Amino acid sequence: MPRSVPASPRQEVRAKSGSMIHDQIQIALAIAEEPTLRSLLTNSTPPIACSQRLGAVRSAIGIPISPQRTLDGLIHYEDIHCVLTDAPVRTDPQLAQPNWGNLPRQGTTDLTRCESEMHTLGQNIAMAQAISLLEHSGFTVEQIDQILNLPQEAWHKTWWHHLDNQGNCATPFLRLIRTLRYTDGTFTIQYKDYFAQDKPLCFQSQQLQVLIEIQPKLQSFSKTLEKINYARMQLGVEKAILICNSLSELELKGFISQGISIYSAEPQAFPVRSNCAVCMTETCPLRGTQDSPVVMCHRFCLEGCIS
């Protein structure tokens, strides 16, 4: 399950001087210091990932992108799309049955009116690999035993929840999984989903990457942007985080408009992505405006951030 991100790594980074910040981040990337890596992903502006959807993270440094150029760092992270439900979903008794059974009758409930194609989670894999794959997906030891020992033509049923962009559980969907066993001792694990409207993107998560560039103190906006864009082109990675001591608001807007997130080593009042329709700032005349042209705002505030 995704874990929350402590605030301390960001506070520690801010306390460092300019030259020490570069070393601190490089060391954190080199040893894959998890709290710092998570802080980079969730506390940048705009954030790369939501803490509730962030799974495993790892990193690499000093990646050559040409004979003369080296990328400061690269973070590999897991973006979790769905999780097993903790409680049974109220619906048709046949569909709610948590153990193995036949395929549901399509259209028996609004939650399962759509059916996905068959997917393969693992093909011709050893038992140890199958167990590890299912454990990583969130199944319990008992569920894994049931899945790997299903009778022929039987399916194991579980209810899952989509996670929205904020990491909150959305509409549940039914996932059926089966195991094909071969005489050489290997397994093929397949699944299909029954859902209300929005098709699940993948089994559980997606492996993504983000570039890390630590801006030298005297490097210009154009030089920094050129280096990031060159690394994007060479590595085929679109997302990027720029770590810097400070930026003007114009530079900030420039980098963000190019799809680059900012992680500041010093406290700054950055504008954030806003939505006037849901903003709770009572003194703003645009509050509640559905088609507001404002996309970045210093005063944007949701209900949860009002003291």
C-alpha atoms as a PDB file:
ATOM      1  CA  MET A   1       0.000   0.000   0.000  1.00  0.00           C
ATOM      2  CA  PRO A   2       1.208   3.554  -0.635  1.00  0.00           C
ATOM      3  CA  ARG A   3       2.840   5.236   2.360  1.00  0.00           C
ATOM      4  CA  SER A   4       2.626   8.821   3.529  1.00  0.00           C
ATOM      5  CA  VAL A   5       5.631  11.129   3.081  1.00  0.00           C
ATOM      6  CA  PRO A   6       7.216  12.687   6.203  1.00  0.00           C
ATOM      7  CA  ALA A   7       7.868  16.405   6.080  1.00  0.00           C
ATOM      8  CA  SER A   8      11.372  16.264   7.559  1.00  0.00           C
ATOM      9  CA  PRO A   9      13.390  15.549   4.352  1.00  0.00           C
ATOM     10  CA  ARG A  10      12.233  18.795   2.728  1.00  0.00           C
ATOM     11  CA  GLN A  11      13.010  20.776   5.873  1.00  0.00           C
ATOM     12  CA  GLU A  12      16.496  19.243   6.015  1.00  0.00           C
ATOM     13  CA  VAL A  13      17.199  20.050   2.359  1.00  0.00           C
ATOM     14  CA  ARG A  14      16.117  23.654   2.837  1.00  0.00           C
ATOM     15  CA  ALA A  15      18.591  24.073   5.705  1.00  0.00           C
ATOM     16  CA  LYS A  16      21.598  23.315   3.487  1.00  0.00           C
ATOM     17  CA  SER A  17      23.672  25.931   1.682  1.00  0.00           C
ATOM     18  CA  GLY A  18      23.698  26.062  -2.137  1.00  0.00           C
ATOM     19  CA  SER A  19      26.772  23.865  -2.674  1.00  0.00           C
ATOM     20  CA  MET A  20      25.758  21.404   0.035  1.00  0.00           C
ATOM     21  CA  ILE A  21      22.289  21.018  -1.480  1.00  0.00           C
ATOM     22  CA  HIS A  22      23.786  19.628  -4.678  1.00  0.00           C
ATOM     23  CA  ASP A  23      25.821  17.080  -2.702  1.00  0.00           C
ATOM     24  CA  GLN A  24      22.876  16.216  -0.435  1.00  0.00           C
ATOM     25  CA  ILE A  25      20.562  15.436  -3.354  1.00  0.00           C
ATOM     26  CA  GLN A  26      23.272  13.534  -5.236  1.00  0.00           C
ATOM     27  CA  ILE A  27      23.963  11.381  -2.168  1.00  0.00           C
ATOM     28  CA  ALA A  28      20.237  10.772  -1.640  1.00  0.00           C
ATOM     29  CA  LEU A  29      19.916   9.700  -5.278  1.00  0.00           C
ATOM     30  CA  ALA A  30      23.052   7.540  -5.073  1.00  0.00           C
ATOM     31  CA  ILE A  31      21.887   5.593  -2.021  1.00  0.00           C
ATOM     32  CA  ALA A  32      18.197   5.727  -3.039  1.00  0.00           C
ATOM     33  CA  GLU A  33      17.266   7.411   0.255  1.00  0.00           C
ATOM     34  CA  GLU A  34      13.532   6.739   0.148  1.00  0.00           C
ATOM     35  CA  PRO A  35      12.170   9.671   2.234  1.00  0.00           C
ATOM     36  CA  THR A  36      14.071  12.192   0.105  1.00  0.00           C
ATOM     37  CA  LEU A  37      13.080  10.545  -3.178  1.00  0.00           C
ATOM     38  CA  ARG A  38       9.422  10.554  -2.114  1.00  0.00           C
ATOM     39  CA  SER A  39       9.686  14.166  -1.004  1.00  0.00           C
ATOM     40  CA  LEU A  40      11.066  15.171  -4.413  1.00  0.00           C
ATOM     41  CA  LEU A  41       8.127  13.488  -6.147  1.00  0.00           C
ATOM     42  CA  THR A  42       5.344  14.740  -3.881  1.00  0.00           C
ATOM     43  CA  ASN A  43       6.587  18.170  -2.726  1.00  0.00           C
ATOM     44  CA  SER A  44       7.663  19.618  -6.062  1.00  0.00           C
ATOM     45  CA  THR A  45       5.579  22.333  -7.772  1.00  0.00           C
ATOM     46  CA  PRO A  46       3.456  21.006  -9.374  1.00  0.00           C
ATOM     47  CA  PRO A  47       3.771  17.585  -7.705  1.00  0.00           C
ATOM     48  CA  ILE A  48       4.916  14.677  -9.863  1.00  0.00           C
ATOM     49  CA  ALA A  49       3.011  12.107  -7.788  1.00  0.00           C
ATOM     50  CA  CYS A  50       0.372  11.887  -5.063  1.00  0.00           C
ATOM     51  CA  SER A  51       1.684  10.311  -1.837  1.00  0.00           C
ATOM     52  CA  GLN A  52      -1.330   7.956  -1.607  1.00  0.00           C
ATOM     53  CA  ARG A  53      -0.617   6.631  -5.107  1.00  0.00           C
ATOM     54  CA  LEU A  54       3.151   6.387  -4.780  1.00  0.00           C
ATOM     55  CA  GLY A  55       4.552   2.860  -4.547  1.00  0.00           C
ATOM     56  CA  ALA A  56       8.167   1.694  -4.798  1.00  0.00           C
ATOM     57  CA  VAL A  57      10.861   4.226  -5.713  1.00  0.00           C
ATOM     58  CA  ARG A  58      14.485   3.862  -6.818  1.00  0.00           C
ATOM     59  CA  SER A  59      17.081   6.123  -8.378  1.00  0.00           C
ATOM     60  CA  ALA A  60      20.265   6.407 -10.436  1.00  0.00           C
ATOM     61  CA  ILE A  61      22.816   9.231 -10.810  1.00  0.00           C
ATOM     62  CA  GLY A  62      25.411  10.446 -13.279  1.00  0.00           C
ATOM     63  CA  ILE A  63      23.631   9.043 -16.325  1.00  0.00           C
ATOM     64  CA  PRO A  64      25.548   9.790 -19.568  1.00  0.00           C
ATOM     65  CA  ILE A  65      23.318  11.242 -22.283  1.00  0.00           C
ATOM     66  CA  SER A  66      26.158  12.150 -24.685  1.00  0.00           C
ATOM     67  CA  PRO A  67      29.981  12.068 -24.648  1.00  0.00           C
ATOM     68  CA  GLN A  68      29.996  15.558 -23.113  1.00  0.00           C
ATOM     69  CA  ARG A  69      26.788  15.581 -21.052  1.00  0.00           C
ATOM     70  CA  THR A  70      25.617  13.765 -17.933  1.00  0.00           C
ATOM     71  CA  LEU A  71      22.188  13.812 -16.302  1.00  0.00           C
ATOM     72  CA  ASP A  72      22.215  14.542 -12.558  1.00  0.00           C
ATOM     73  CA  GLY A  73      19.693  11.848 -11.709  1.00  0.00           C
ATOM     74  CA  LEU A  74      16.744   9.694 -12.695  1.00  0.00           C
ATOM     75  CA  ILE A  75      13.995   8.461 -10.371  1.00  0.00           C
ATOM     76  CA  HIS A  76      11.987   5.342 -11.204  1.00  0.00           C
ATOM     77  CA  TYR A  77       8.668   5.239  -9.350  1.00  0.00           C
ATOM     78  CA  GLU A  78       5.505   3.176  -9.188  1.00  0.00           C
ATOM     79  CA  ASP A  79       2.200   4.975  -9.769  1.00  0.00           C
ATOM     80  CA  ILE A  80      -0.560   2.883  -8.157  1.00  0.00           C
ATOM     81  CA  HIS A  81      -3.910   2.975  -9.986  1.00  0.00           C
ATOM     82  CA  CYS A  82      -6.075   0.625  -7.935  1.00  0.00           C
ATOM     83  CA  VAL A  83      -6.162  -1.244  -4.616  1.00  0.00           C
ATOM     84  CA  LEU A  84      -8.006  -4.215  -3.162  1.00  0.00           C
ATOM     85  CA  THR A  85     -11.065  -3.235  -1.134  1.00  0.00           C
ATOM     86  CA  ASP A  86     -10.993  -3.777   2.619  1.00  0.00           C
ATOM     87  CA  ALA A  87     -14.724  -4.531   2.837  1.00  0.00           C
ATOM     88  CA  PRO A  88     -17.141  -6.436   0.578  1.00  0.00           C
ATOM     89  CA  VAL A  89     -19.137  -4.425  -1.953  1.00  0.00           C
ATOM     90  CA  ARG A  90     -22.920  -4.605  -1.612  1.00  0.00           C
ATOM     91  CA  THR A  91     -24.284  -6.084  -4.807  1.00  0.00           C
ATOM     92  CA  ASP A  92     -25.642  -9.298  -6.301  1.00  0.00           C
ATOM     93  CA  PRO A  93     -24.722 -12.206  -3.930  1.00  0.00           C
ATOM     94  CA  GLN A  94     -23.121 -14.108  -6.833  1.00  0.00           C
ATOM     95  CA  LEU A  95     -20.811 -11.187  -7.591  1.00  0.00           C
ATOM     96  CA  ALA A  96     -20.018 -10.463  -3.952  1.00  0.00           C
ATOM     97  CA  GLN A  97     -18.741 -14.008  -3.355  1.00  0.00           C
ATOM     98  CA  PRO A  98     -15.002 -13.549  -2.570  1.00  0.00           C
ATOM     99  CA  ASN A  99     -13.959 -17.093  -3.447  1.00  0.00           C
ATOM    100  CA  TRP A 100     -13.658 -18.779  -6.828  1.00  0.00           C
ATOM    101  CA  GLY A 101     -16.613 -19.339  -9.112  1.00  0.00           C
ATOM    102  CA  ASN A 102     -17.928 -18.893 -12.629  1.00  0.00           C
ATOM    103  CA  LEU A 103     -17.821 -15.698 -14.668  1.00  0.00           C
ATOM    104  CA  PRO A 104     -20.549 -13.196 -13.719  1.00  0.00           C
ATOM    105  CA  ARG A 105     -23.538 -12.701 -15.964  1.00  0.00           C
ATOM    106  CA  GLN A 106     -22.826  -9.477 -17.822  1.00  0.00           C
ATOM    107  CA  GLY A 107     -25.290  -6.725 -16.926  1.00  0.00           C
ATOM    108  CA  THR A 108     -26.440  -8.217 -13.598  1.00  0.00           C
ATOM    109  CA  THR A 109     -25.421  -4.999 -11.834  1.00  0.00           C
ATOM    110  CA  ASP A 110     -24.524  -1.452 -12.878  1.00  0.00           C
ATOM    111  CA  LEU A 111     -21.072  -1.930 -11.334  1.00  0.00           C
ATOM    112  CA  THR A 112     -20.229  -4.740 -13.794  1.00  0.00           C
ATOM    113  CA  ARG A 113     -22.060  -3.799 -16.978  1.00  0.00           C
ATOM    114  CA  CYS A 114     -18.768  -3.443 -18.938  1.00  0.00           C
ATOM    115  CA  GLU A 115     -16.238  -6.224 -19.519  1.00  0.00           C
ATOM    116  CA  SER A 116     -12.538  -5.874 -20.355  1.00  0.00           C
ATOM    117  CA  GLU A 117     -10.492  -8.091 -22.614  1.00  0.00           C
ATOM    118  CA  MET A 118      -8.338 -10.866 -21.160  1.00  0.00           C
ATOM    119  CA  HIS A 119      -4.991  -9.713 -19.732  1.00  0.00           C
ATOM    120  CA  THR A 120      -1.913 -11.741 -18.807  1.00  0.00           C
ATOM    121  CA  LEU A 121      -0.269 -10.812 -15.513  1.00  0.00           C
ATOM    122  CA  GLY A 122       2.512 -13.404 -15.804  1.00  0.00           C
ATOM    123  CA  GLN A 123       3.265 -16.031 -18.468  1.00  0.00           C
ATOM    124  CA  ASN A 124       5.138 -19.315 -17.938  1.00  0.00           C
ATOM    125  CA  ILE A 125       6.576 -18.146 -14.625  1.00  0.00           C
ATOM    126  CA  ALA A 126       7.881 -20.259 -11.735  1.00  0.00           C
ATOM    127  CA  MET A 127       5.878 -20.632  -8.524  1.00  0.00           C
ATOM    128  CA  ALA A 128       8.214 -18.293  -6.612  1.00  0.00           C
ATOM    129  CA  GLN A 129       7.716 -15.612  -9.273  1.00  0.00           C
ATOM    130  CA  ALA A 130       3.944 -16.108  -9.212  1.00  0.00           C
ATOM    131  CA  ILE A 131       3.822 -15.764  -5.423  1.00  0.00           C
ATOM    132  CA  SER A 132       6.011 -12.633  -5.508  1.00  0.00           C
ATOM    133  CA  LEU A 133       3.882 -11.094  -8.266  1.00  0.00           C
ATOM    134  CA  LEU A 134       0.633 -11.694  -6.378  1.00  0.00           C
ATOM    135  CA  GLU A 135       2.101 -10.480  -3.068  1.00  0.00           C
ATOM    136  CA  HIS A 136       3.211  -7.251  -4.721  1.00  0.00           C
ATOM    137  CA  SER A 137      -0.309  -6.804  -6.099  1.00  0.00           C
ATOM    138  CA  GLY A 138      -1.724  -6.810  -2.562  1.00  0.00           C
ATOM    139  CA  PHE A 139      -3.147 -10.336  -2.211  1.00  0.00           C
ATOM    140  CA  THR A 140      -2.973 -12.063   1.160  1.00  0.00           C
ATOM    141  CA  VAL A 141      -1.264 -15.431   1.717  1.00  0.00           C
ATOM    142  CA  GLU A 142      -4.680 -17.127   1.804  1.00  0.00           C
ATOM    143  CA  GLN A 143      -5.789 -15.483  -1.448  1.00  0.00           C
ATOM    144  CA  ILE A 144      -2.524 -16.423  -3.177  1.00  0.00           C
ATOM    145  CA  ASP A 145      -2.984 -20.053  -2.131  1.00  0.00           C
ATOM    146  CA  GLN A 146      -6.535 -20.004  -3.539  1.00  0.00           C
ATOM    147  CA  ILE A 147      -5.436 -18.420  -6.827  1.00  0.00           C
ATOM    148  CA  LEU A 148      -2.566 -20.850  -7.423  1.00  0.00           C
ATOM    149  CA  ASN A 149      -4.747 -23.871  -6.634  1.00  0.00           C
ATOM    150  CA  LEU A 150      -7.922 -22.978  -8.523  1.00  0.00           C
ATOM    151  CA  PRO A 151      -9.828 -25.832 -10.174  1.00  0.00           C
ATOM    152  CA  GLN A 152      -9.726 -25.853 -13.953  1.00  0.00           C
ATOM    153  CA  GLU A 153     -11.947 -23.167 -15.556  1.00  0.00           C
ATOM    154  CA  ALA A 154     -12.520 -21.480 -12.167  1.00  0.00           C
ATOM    155  CA  TRP A 155     -11.938 -17.786 -11.412  1.00  0.00           C
ATOM    156  CA  HIS A 156     -10.987 -16.022  -8.183  1.00  0.00           C
ATOM    157  CA  LYS A 157     -13.141 -12.911  -7.538  1.00  0.00           C
ATOM    158  CA  THR A 158     -12.028  -9.762  -5.745  1.00  0.00           C
ATOM    159  CA  TRP A 159     -13.361  -6.210  -5.567  1.00  0.00           C
ATOM    160  CA  TRP A 160     -10.995  -3.321  -6.219  1.00  0.00           C
ATOM    161  CA  HIS A 161     -11.171   0.477  -6.137  1.00  0.00           C
ATOM    162  CA  HIS A 162      -9.805   2.937  -8.657  1.00  0.00           C
ATOM    163  CA  LEU A 163      -7.622   5.652  -7.100  1.00  0.00           C
ATOM    164  CA  ASP A 164      -8.270   9.168  -8.361  1.00  0.00           C
ATOM    165  CA  ASN A 165      -5.566  11.825  -8.815  1.00  0.00           C
ATOM    166  CA  GLN A 166      -5.703  12.653  -5.104  1.00  0.00           C
ATOM    167  CA  GLY A 167      -5.340   9.003  -4.088  1.00  0.00           C
ATOM    168  CA  ASN A 168      -8.972   8.631  -2.977  1.00  0.00           C
ATOM    169  CA  CYS A 169     -10.998   5.488  -3.696  1.00  0.00           C
ATOM    170  CA  ALA A 170     -13.431   5.895  -6.581  1.00  0.00           C
ATOM    171  CA  THR A 171     -15.995   3.503  -8.109  1.00  0.00           C
ATOM    172  CA  PRO A 172     -15.313  -0.181  -7.295  1.00  0.00           C
ATOM    173  CA  PHE A 173     -14.886  -2.818  -9.970  1.00  0.00           C
ATOM    174  CA  LEU A 174     -14.838  -6.614 -10.028  1.00  0.00           C
ATOM    175  CA  ARG A 175     -11.607  -8.396 -10.976  1.00  0.00           C
ATOM    176  CA  LEU A 176     -11.527 -12.086 -11.891  1.00  0.00           C
ATOM    177  CA  ILE A 177      -8.234 -13.938 -11.994  1.00  0.00           C
ATOM    178  CA  ARG A 178      -7.349 -17.474 -13.049  1.00  0.00           C
ATOM    179  CA  THR A 179      -4.225 -19.653 -13.147  1.00  0.00           C
ATOM    180  CA  LEU A 180      -3.114 -21.992 -15.908  1.00  0.00           C
ATOM    181  CA  ARG A 181      -0.742 -24.715 -14.641  1.00  0.00           C
ATOM    182  CA  TYR A 182       1.700 -26.577 -16.894  1.00  0.00           C
ATOM    183  CA  THR A 183       3.467 -29.921 -16.561  1.00  0.00           C
ATOM    184  CA  ASP A 184       6.871 -28.231 -16.242  1.00  0.00           C
ATOM    185  CA  GLY A 185       5.734 -26.566 -13.001  1.00  0.00           C
ATOM    186  CA  THR A 186       5.223 -23.072 -14.414  1.00  0.00           C
ATOM    187  CA  PHE A 187       2.133 -20.869 -14.252  1.00  0.00           C
ATOM    188  CA  THR A 188       0.328 -18.357 -16.446  1.00  0.00           C
ATOM    189  CA  ILE A 189      -1.848 -15.858 -14.540  1.00  0.00           C
ATOM    190  CA  GLN A 190      -4.659 -14.130 -16.423  1.00  0.00           C
ATOM    191  CA  TYR A 191      -7.389 -11.704 -15.416  1.00  0.00           C
ATOM    192  CA  LYS A 192     -10.306  -9.662 -16.715  1.00  0.00           C
ATOM    193  CA  ASP A 193     -12.300  -6.831 -15.190  1.00  0.00           C
ATOM    194  CA  TYR A 194     -15.998  -5.999 -14.922  1.00  0.00           C
ATOM    195  CA  PHE A 195     -16.639  -2.317 -14.326  1.00  0.00           C
ATOM    196  CA  ALA A 196     -19.294   0.397 -14.455  1.00  0.00           C
ATOM    197  CA  GLN A 197     -17.788   2.849 -16.966  1.00  0.00           C
ATOM    198  CA  ASP A 198     -14.083   3.681 -16.628  1.00  0.00           C
ATOM    199  CA  LYS A 199     -11.863   0.774 -17.635  1.00  0.00           C
ATOM    200  CA  PRO A 200      -8.972   0.103 -15.219  1.00  0.00           C
ATOM    201  CA  LEU A 201      -5.671   1.162 -16.796  1.00  0.00           C
ATOM    202  CA  CYS A 202      -3.635  -1.827 -15.658  1.00  0.00           C
ATOM    203  CA  PHE A 203      -3.542  -4.540 -13.011  1.00  0.00           C
ATOM    204  CA  GLN A 204      -2.318  -2.348 -10.172  1.00  0.00           C
ATOM    205  CA  SER A 205       0.424   0.102 -11.063  1.00  0.00           C
ATOM    206  CA  GLN A 206       2.542   1.665 -13.765  1.00  0.00           C
ATOM    207  CA  GLN A 207       6.318   2.112 -13.749  1.00  0.00           C
ATOM    208  CA  LEU A 208       7.269   5.722 -14.562  1.00  0.00           C
ATOM    209  CA  GLN A 209      10.430   7.840 -14.644  1.00  0.00           C
ATOM    210  CA  VAL A 210      11.314  11.461 -13.924  1.00  0.00           C
ATOM    211  CA  LEU A 211      14.522  13.357 -14.771  1.00  0.00           C
ATOM    212  CA  ILE A 212      16.363  15.206 -11.987  1.00  0.00           C
ATOM    213  CA  GLU A 213      18.353  18.363 -12.814  1.00  0.00           C
ATOM    214  CA  ILE A 214      20.149  20.296 -10.068  1.00  0.00           C
ATOM    215  CA  GLN A 215      20.596  23.853 -11.304  1.00  0.00           C
ATOM    216  CA  PRO A 216      24.050  25.415 -10.789  1.00  0.00           C
ATOM    217  CA  LYS A 217      23.848  28.778  -9.082  1.00  0.00           C
ATOM    218  CA  LEU A 218      24.894  30.823 -12.130  1.00  0.00           C
ATOM    219  CA  GLN A 219      23.221  28.788 -14.890  1.00  0.00           C
ATOM    220  CA  SER A 220      20.714  30.730 -17.001  1.00  0.00           C
ATOM    221  CA  PHE A 221      17.093  29.823 -17.659  1.00  0.00           C
ATOM    222  CA  SER A 222      17.763  29.012 -21.338  1.00  0.00           C
ATOM    223  CA  LYS A 223      20.803  26.847 -20.559  1.00  0.00           C
ATOM    224  CA  THR A 224      18.896  24.863 -17.925  1.00  0.00           C
ATOM    225  CA  LEU A 225      15.909  24.354 -20.217  1.00  0.00           C
ATOM    226  CA  GLU A 226      18.197  23.290 -23.065  1.00  0.00           C
ATOM    227  CA  LYS A 227      19.888  20.654 -20.892  1.00  0.00           C
ATOM    228  CA  ILE A 228      16.564  19.238 -19.622  1.00  0.00           C
ATOM    229  CA  ASN A 229      15.026  19.101 -23.099  1.00  0.00           C
ATOM    230  CA  TYR A 230      18.137  17.392 -24.491  1.00  0.00           C
ATOM    231  CA  ALA A 231      17.946  14.740 -21.739  1.00  0.00           C
ATOM    232  CA  ARG A 232      14.235  14.268 -22.448  1.00  0.00           C
ATOM    233  CA  MET A 233      14.952  13.648 -26.113  1.00  0.00           C
ATOM    234  CA  GLN A 234      17.868  11.277 -25.470  1.00  0.00           C
ATOM    235  CA  LEU A 235      16.176   9.174 -22.777  1.00  0.00           C
ATOM    236  CA  GLY A 236      12.547   9.394 -23.902  1.00  0.00           C
ATOM    237  CA  VAL A 237      11.424  10.611 -20.458  1.00  0.00           C
ATOM    238  CA  GLU A 238       8.931  13.491 -20.429  1.00  0.00           C
ATOM    239  CA  LYS A 239       8.651  14.384 -16.717  1.00  0.00           C
ATOM    240  CA  ALA A 240      11.397  16.411 -15.044  1.00  0.00           C
ATOM    241  CA  ILE A 241      12.176  18.009 -11.682  1.00  0.00           C
ATOM    242  CA  LEU A 242      14.456  21.043 -11.395  1.00  0.00           C
ATOM    243  CA  ILE A 243      16.110  21.500  -7.993  1.00  0.00           C
ATOM    244  CA  CYS A 244      17.215  25.079  -7.369  1.00  0.00           C
ATOM    245  CA  ASN A 245      17.982  27.590  -4.625  1.00  0.00           C
ATOM    246  CA  SER A 246      15.527  30.242  -5.795  1.00  0.00           C
ATOM    247  CA  LEU A 247      13.692  31.409  -8.911  1.00  0.00           C
ATOM    248  CA  SER A 248      11.886  34.529  -9.966  1.00  0.00           C
ATOM    249  CA  GLU A 249       8.159  34.112 -10.502  1.00  0.00           C
ATOM    250  CA  LEU A 250       8.687  34.630 -14.242  1.00  0.00           C
ATOM    251  CA  GLU A 251      11.296  31.818 -14.352  1.00  0.00           C
ATOM    252  CA  LEU A 252       8.988  29.593 -12.318  1.00  0.00           C
ATOM    253  CA  LYS A 253       6.115  30.096 -14.736  1.00  0.00           C
ATOM    254  CA  GLY A 254       8.472  29.511 -17.650  1.00  0.00           C
ATOM    255  CA  PHE A 255       9.699  26.145 -16.383  1.00  0.00           C
ATOM    256  CA  ILE A 256       6.228  24.969 -15.345  1.00  0.00           C
ATOM    257  CA  SER A 257       4.809  25.945 -18.745  1.00  0.00           C
ATOM    258  CA  GLN A 258       7.414  23.580 -20.258  1.00  0.00           C
ATOM    259  CA  GLY A 259       6.225  20.687 -18.082  1.00  0.00           C
ATOM    260  CA  ILE A 260       9.051  20.955 -15.528  1.00  0.00           C
ATOM    261  CA  SER A 261       8.313  20.700 -11.803  1.00  0.00           C
ATOM    262  CA  ILE A 262      10.286  22.812  -9.321  1.00  0.00           C
ATOM    263  CA  TYR A 263      11.768  21.691  -6.008  1.00  0.00           C
ATOM    264  CA  SER A 264      13.085  24.769  -4.213  1.00  0.00           C
ATOM    265  CA  ALA A 265      15.897  24.493  -1.681  1.00  0.00           C
ATOM    266  CA  GLU A 266      14.663  27.663   0.024  1.00  0.00           C
ATOM    267  CA  PRO A 267      11.121  28.569   1.159  1.00  0.00           C
ATOM    268  CA  GLN A 268       9.272  30.472  -1.571  1.00  0.00           C
ATOM    269  CA  ALA A 269       5.642  31.485  -2.032  1.00  0.00           C
ATOM    270  CA  PHE A 270       5.055  29.597  -5.276  1.00  0.00           C
ATOM    271  CA  PRO A 271       1.739  29.912  -7.070  1.00  0.00           C
ATOM    272  CA  VAL A 272       0.050  26.546  -7.523  1.00  0.00           C
ATOM    273  CA  ARG A 273      -2.298  25.025 -10.088  1.00  0.00           C
ATOM    274  CA  SER A 274      -5.723  26.342  -9.280  1.00  0.00           C
ATOM    275  CA  ASN A 275      -9.402  25.740  -9.983  1.00  0.00           C
ATOM    276  CA  CYS A 276     -11.571  28.756  -9.189  1.00  0.00           C
ATOM    277  CA  ALA A 277     -14.710  26.578  -9.197  1.00  0.00           C
ATOM    278  CA  VAL A 278     -13.605  24.761  -6.008  1.00  0.00           C
ATOM    279  CA  CYS A 279     -11.406  27.445  -4.394  1.00  0.00           C
ATOM    280  CA  MET A 280     -12.398  28.435  -0.821  1.00  0.00           C
ATOM    281  CA  THR A 281     -10.759  31.893  -0.758  1.00  0.00           C
ATOM    282  CA  GLU A 282     -13.818  33.965   0.189  1.00  0.00           C
ATOM    283  CA  THR A 283     -12.350  37.387  -0.674  1.00  0.00           C
ATOM    284  CA  CYS A 284     -11.508  36.463  -4.288  1.00  0.00           C
ATOM    285  CA  PRO A 285     -14.038  37.776  -6.869  1.00  0.00           C
ATOM    286  CA  LEU A 286     -13.387  34.754  -9.127  1.00  0.00           C
ATOM    287  CA  ARG A 287     -14.325  32.216  -6.455  1.00  0.00           C
ATOM    288  CA  GLY A 288     -16.838  29.712  -7.868  1.00  0.00           C
ATOM    289  CA  THR A 289     -16.210  30.694 -11.509  1.00  0.00           C
ATOM    290  CA  GLN A 290     -16.526  27.557 -13.639  1.00  0.00           C
ATOM    291  CA  ASP A 291     -14.682  28.860 -16.726  1.00  0.00           C
ATOM    292  CA  SER A 292     -12.040  31.012 -15.029  1.00  0.00           C
ATOM    293  CA  PRO A 293      -8.893  31.678 -17.138  1.00  0.00           C
ATOM    294  CA  VAL A 294      -6.686  31.449 -14.009  1.00  0.00           C
ATOM    295  CA  VAL A 295      -4.483  28.335 -13.943  1.00  0.00           C
ATOM    296  CA  MET A 296      -1.820  29.369 -11.349  1.00  0.00           C
ATOM    297  CA  CYS A 297      -2.602  31.314  -8.169  1.00  0.00           C
ATOM    298  CA  HIS A 298      -0.866  32.209  -4.879  1.00  0.00           C
ATOM    299  CA  ARG A 299      -4.188  32.210  -3.006  1.00  0.00           C
ATOM    300  CA  PHE A 300      -5.755  28.977  -4.249  1.00  0.00           C
ATOM    301  CA  CYS A 301      -7.056  27.050  -1.248  1.00  0.00           C
ATOM    302  CA  LEU A 302      -9.259  23.987  -0.758  1.00  0.00           C
ATOM    303  CA  GLU A 303     -11.523  23.524   2.258  1.00  0.00           C
ATOM    304  CA  GLY A 304      -8.972  21.331   4.009  1.00  0.00           C
ATOM    305  CA  CYS A 305      -6.323  24.078   4.111  1.00  0.00           C
ATOM    306  CA  ILE A 306      -8.510  26.710   5.821  1.00  0.00           C
ATOM    307  CA  SER A 307      -7.654  27.041   9.501  1.00  0.00           C
END
